[in-house]
Amino acid sequence: MDLNYFYFINGNYQYVVYSEYYAYDDSYKCGIKVINLKSENITNIKGDMKTIKGTLVDFRFNDKIEKTDELFE
């Protein structure tokens, strides 16, 4: 399992860009989750794995970005 998330907050919304790989069934998921922080409503915008350019893994090595263990499944 490889879970990669990059998130930020703008106003009352949290945006989560995600890329997930699950070895047990060799599946990939990607997209953007938009979370309304007041109502806790979540909108999931699914991405197309065929259109990905680059990787979120590179953010792991960027010292300007705060790292957390928070999961967004």
N, C-alpha and C. Protein backbone atom coordinates (compact mmCIF):
# COMPACT_ATOMS: atom_id res chain seq x y z
N MET A 1 0.85 -1.17 0.00
CA MET A 1 0.00 0.00 0.00
C MET A 1 0.90 1.24 0.00
N ASP A 2 0.59 2.17 -0.86
CA ASP A 2 1.33 3.43 -0.94
C ASP A 2 0.30 4.54 -1.03
N LEU A 3 0.21 5.37 0.02
CA LEU A 3 -0.76 6.45 0.09
C LEU A 3 -0.03 7.78 0.06
N ASN A 4 -0.41 8.63 -0.86
CA ASN A 4 0.22 9.94 -0.98
C ASN A 4 -0.86 11.01 -1.03
N TYR A 5 -0.74 11.98 -0.13
CA TYR A 5 -1.72 13.06 -0.02
C TYR A 5 -0.99 14.39 0.06
N PHE A 6 -1.58 15.39 -0.56
CA PHE A 6 -1.12 16.77 -0.43
C PHE A 6 -2.38 17.59 -0.19
N TYR A 7 -2.43 18.30 0.94
CA TYR A 7 -3.66 19.05 1.21
C TYR A 7 -3.36 20.48 1.64
N PHE A 8 -4.38 21.31 1.44
CA PHE A 8 -4.31 22.70 1.88
C PHE A 8 -5.73 23.16 2.19
N ILE A 9 -5.82 24.24 2.93
CA ILE A 9 -7.11 24.80 3.34
C ILE A 9 -7.24 26.20 2.74
N ASN A 10 -8.41 26.46 2.19
CA ASN A 10 -8.71 27.78 1.64
C ASN A 10 -10.13 28.11 2.10
N GLY A 11 -10.24 29.07 2.99
CA GLY A 11 -11.55 29.43 3.53
C GLY A 11 -12.13 28.28 4.34
N ASN A 12 -13.35 27.90 4.03
CA ASN A 12 -14.03 26.82 4.75
C ASN A 12 -13.85 25.46 4.09
N TYR A 13 -12.89 25.35 3.17
CA TYR A 13 -12.71 24.12 2.44
C TYR A 13 -11.28 23.59 2.57
N GLN A 14 -11.19 22.27 2.67
CA GLN A 14 -9.90 21.59 2.65
C GLN A 14 -9.84 20.81 1.35
N TYR A 15 -8.76 20.98 0.61
CA TYR A 15 -8.56 20.30 -0.67
C TYR A 15 -7.47 19.25 -0.47
N VAL A 16 -7.77 18.01 -0.86
CA VAL A 16 -6.83 16.91 -0.69
C VAL A 16 -6.56 16.30 -2.07
N VAL A 17 -5.35 16.45 -2.55
CA VAL A 17 -4.93 15.80 -3.79
C VAL A 17 -4.36 14.46 -3.37
N TYR A 18 -4.84 13.38 -3.99
CA TYR A 18 -4.41 12.06 -3.53
C TYR A 18 -4.02 11.13 -4.67
N SER A 19 -3.11 10.22 -4.32
CA SER A 19 -2.68 9.14 -5.20
C SER A 19 -2.50 7.93 -4.30
N GLU A 20 -3.23 6.85 -4.59
CA GLU A 20 -3.21 5.68 -3.73
C GLU A 20 -2.95 4.41 -4.55
N TYR A 21 -2.14 3.51 -4.01
CA TYR A 21 -1.91 2.21 -4.63
C TYR A 21 -2.14 1.13 -3.59
N TYR A 22 -2.90 0.10 -3.96
CA TYR A 22 -3.19 -1.02 -3.07
C TYR A 22 -2.66 -2.31 -3.69
N ALA A 23 -1.67 -2.91 -3.04
CA ALA A 23 -1.02 -4.10 -3.58
C ALA A 23 -1.93 -5.32 -3.58
N TYR A 24 -2.85 -5.41 -2.60
CA TYR A 24 -3.66 -6.62 -2.48
C TYR A 24 -4.50 -6.88 -3.73
N ASP A 25 -4.90 -5.82 -4.43
CA ASP A 25 -5.64 -6.03 -5.68
C ASP A 25 -5.02 -5.27 -6.85
N ASP A 26 -3.80 -4.77 -6.65
CA ASP A 26 -3.04 -4.05 -7.68
C ASP A 26 -3.86 -2.91 -8.28
N SER A 27 -4.52 -2.13 -7.41
CA SER A 27 -5.36 -1.03 -7.89
C SER A 27 -4.76 0.33 -7.54
N TYR A 28 -5.08 1.29 -8.37
CA TYR A 28 -4.64 2.67 -8.20
C TYR A 28 -5.86 3.58 -8.14
N LYS A 29 -5.77 4.64 -7.35
CA LYS A 29 -6.80 5.66 -7.30
C LYS A 29 -6.11 7.02 -7.22
N CYS A 30 -6.71 8.00 -7.83
CA CYS A 30 -6.19 9.36 -7.72
C CYS A 30 -7.35 10.33 -7.87
N GLY A 31 -7.11 11.55 -7.43
CA GLY A 31 -8.15 12.57 -7.57
C GLY A 31 -7.98 13.68 -6.56
N ILE A 32 -9.06 14.40 -6.35
CA ILE A 32 -9.09 15.52 -5.40
C ILE A 32 -10.34 15.37 -4.55
N LYS A 33 -10.16 15.45 -3.24
CA LYS A 33 -11.30 15.47 -2.33
C LYS A 33 -11.46 16.90 -1.83
N VAL A 34 -12.68 17.41 -1.90
CA VAL A 34 -12.98 18.75 -1.40
C VAL A 34 -13.87 18.56 -0.18
N ILE A 35 -13.37 19.01 0.97
CA ILE A 35 -14.06 18.81 2.23
C ILE A 35 -14.55 20.15 2.77
N ASN A 36 -15.86 20.26 2.94
CA ASN A 36 -16.43 21.45 3.55
C ASN A 36 -16.20 21.32 5.06
N LEU A 37 -15.40 22.19 5.63
CA LEU A 37 -15.04 22.07 7.04
C LEU A 37 -16.18 22.39 7.99
N LYS A 38 -17.19 23.12 7.52
CA LYS A 38 -18.34 23.42 8.38
C LYS A 38 -19.35 22.28 8.39
N SER A 39 -19.70 21.78 7.20
CA SER A 39 -20.72 20.73 7.11
C SER A 39 -20.12 19.33 7.09
N GLU A 40 -18.81 19.23 6.89
CA GLU A 40 -18.08 17.97 6.76
C GLU A 40 -18.50 17.17 5.53
N ASN A 41 -19.17 17.82 4.59
CA ASN A 41 -19.54 17.19 3.33
C ASN A 41 -18.28 17.00 2.48
N ILE A 42 -18.14 15.83 1.86
CA ILE A 42 -16.96 15.52 1.05
C ILE A 42 -17.38 15.29 -0.39
N THR A 43 -16.73 16.01 -1.30
CA THR A 43 -16.91 15.80 -2.73
C THR A 43 -15.64 15.17 -3.25
N ASN A 44 -15.77 14.02 -3.90
CA ASN A 44 -14.61 13.31 -4.43
C ASN A 44 -14.59 13.45 -5.95
N ILE A 45 -13.57 14.10 -6.46
CA ILE A 45 -13.39 14.26 -7.90
C ILE A 45 -12.35 13.23 -8.32
N LYS A 46 -12.79 12.16 -8.95
CA LYS A 46 -11.89 11.07 -9.31
C LYS A 46 -11.04 11.47 -10.51
N GLY A 47 -9.75 11.12 -10.41
CA GLY A 47 -8.83 11.40 -11.50
C GLY A 47 -8.69 10.21 -12.43
N ASP A 48 -8.06 10.44 -13.55
CA ASP A 48 -7.79 9.40 -14.54
C ASP A 48 -6.31 9.06 -14.45
N MET A 49 -5.99 7.83 -14.04
CA MET A 49 -4.60 7.42 -13.85
C MET A 49 -3.78 7.57 -15.14
N LYS A 50 -4.43 7.51 -16.29
CA LYS A 50 -3.72 7.60 -17.57
C LYS A 50 -3.22 9.02 -17.85
N THR A 51 -3.74 10.01 -17.11
CA THR A 51 -3.37 11.40 -17.40
C THR A 51 -2.41 12.00 -16.37
N ILE A 52 -1.95 11.19 -15.42
CA ILE A 52 -1.06 11.70 -14.37
C ILE A 52 0.28 12.13 -14.95
N LYS A 53 0.74 13.28 -14.51
CA LYS A 53 2.06 13.80 -14.87
C LYS A 53 2.83 13.99 -13.57
N GLY A 54 3.90 13.26 -13.36
CA GLY A 54 4.69 13.39 -12.13
C GLY A 54 4.14 12.53 -11.01
N THR A 55 4.60 12.83 -9.80
CA THR A 55 4.23 12.03 -8.65
C THR A 55 4.15 12.90 -7.39
N LEU A 56 3.25 12.54 -6.49
CA LEU A 56 3.17 13.23 -5.21
C LEU A 56 4.30 12.82 -4.27
N VAL A 57 4.96 11.74 -4.58
CA VAL A 57 6.06 11.24 -3.73
C VAL A 57 7.15 12.31 -3.58
N ASP A 58 7.37 13.11 -4.60
CA ASP A 58 8.41 14.14 -4.53
C ASP A 58 8.19 15.13 -3.39
N PHE A 59 6.93 15.33 -2.97
CA PHE A 59 6.66 16.24 -1.87
C PHE A 59 7.20 15.73 -0.54
N ARG A 60 7.45 14.43 -0.43
CA ARG A 60 8.00 13.86 0.81
C ARG A 60 9.38 14.45 1.14
N PHE A 61 10.08 14.90 0.12
CA PHE A 61 11.45 15.36 0.30
C PHE A 61 11.57 16.89 0.25
N ASN A 62 10.46 17.59 0.25
CA ASN A 62 10.44 19.04 0.21
C ASN A 62 10.33 19.57 1.64
N ASP A 63 11.36 20.23 2.11
CA ASP A 63 11.39 20.73 3.48
C ASP A 63 10.44 21.91 3.72
N LYS A 64 9.90 22.49 2.66
CA LYS A 64 8.99 23.63 2.81
C LYS A 64 7.56 23.19 3.10
N ILE A 65 7.31 21.88 3.03
CA ILE A 65 5.96 21.35 3.25
C ILE A 65 5.94 20.56 4.55
N GLU A 66 4.95 20.89 5.39
CA GLU A 66 4.79 20.19 6.67
C GLU A 66 4.29 18.77 6.42
N LYS A 67 4.89 17.80 7.07
CA LYS A 67 4.49 16.40 6.94
C LYS A 67 3.61 15.99 8.12
N THR A 68 2.57 15.20 7.83
CA THR A 68 1.70 14.65 8.87
C THR A 68 1.41 13.19 8.54
N ASP A 69 0.81 12.49 9.46
CA ASP A 69 0.40 11.10 9.24
C ASP A 69 -1.10 10.99 9.02
N GLU A 70 -1.74 12.11 8.75
CA GLU A 70 -3.19 12.13 8.57
C GLU A 70 -3.59 11.36 7.30
N LEU A 71 -4.62 10.53 7.43
CA LEU A 71 -5.14 9.76 6.30
C LEU A 71 -6.47 10.35 5.86
N PHE A 72 -6.77 10.24 4.59
CA PHE A 72 -8.00 10.82 4.03
C PHE A 72 -8.80 9.78 3.27
N GLU A 73 -8.87 8.58 3.76
CA GLU A 73 -9.58 7.50 3.06
C GLU A 73 -11.07 7.63 3.26
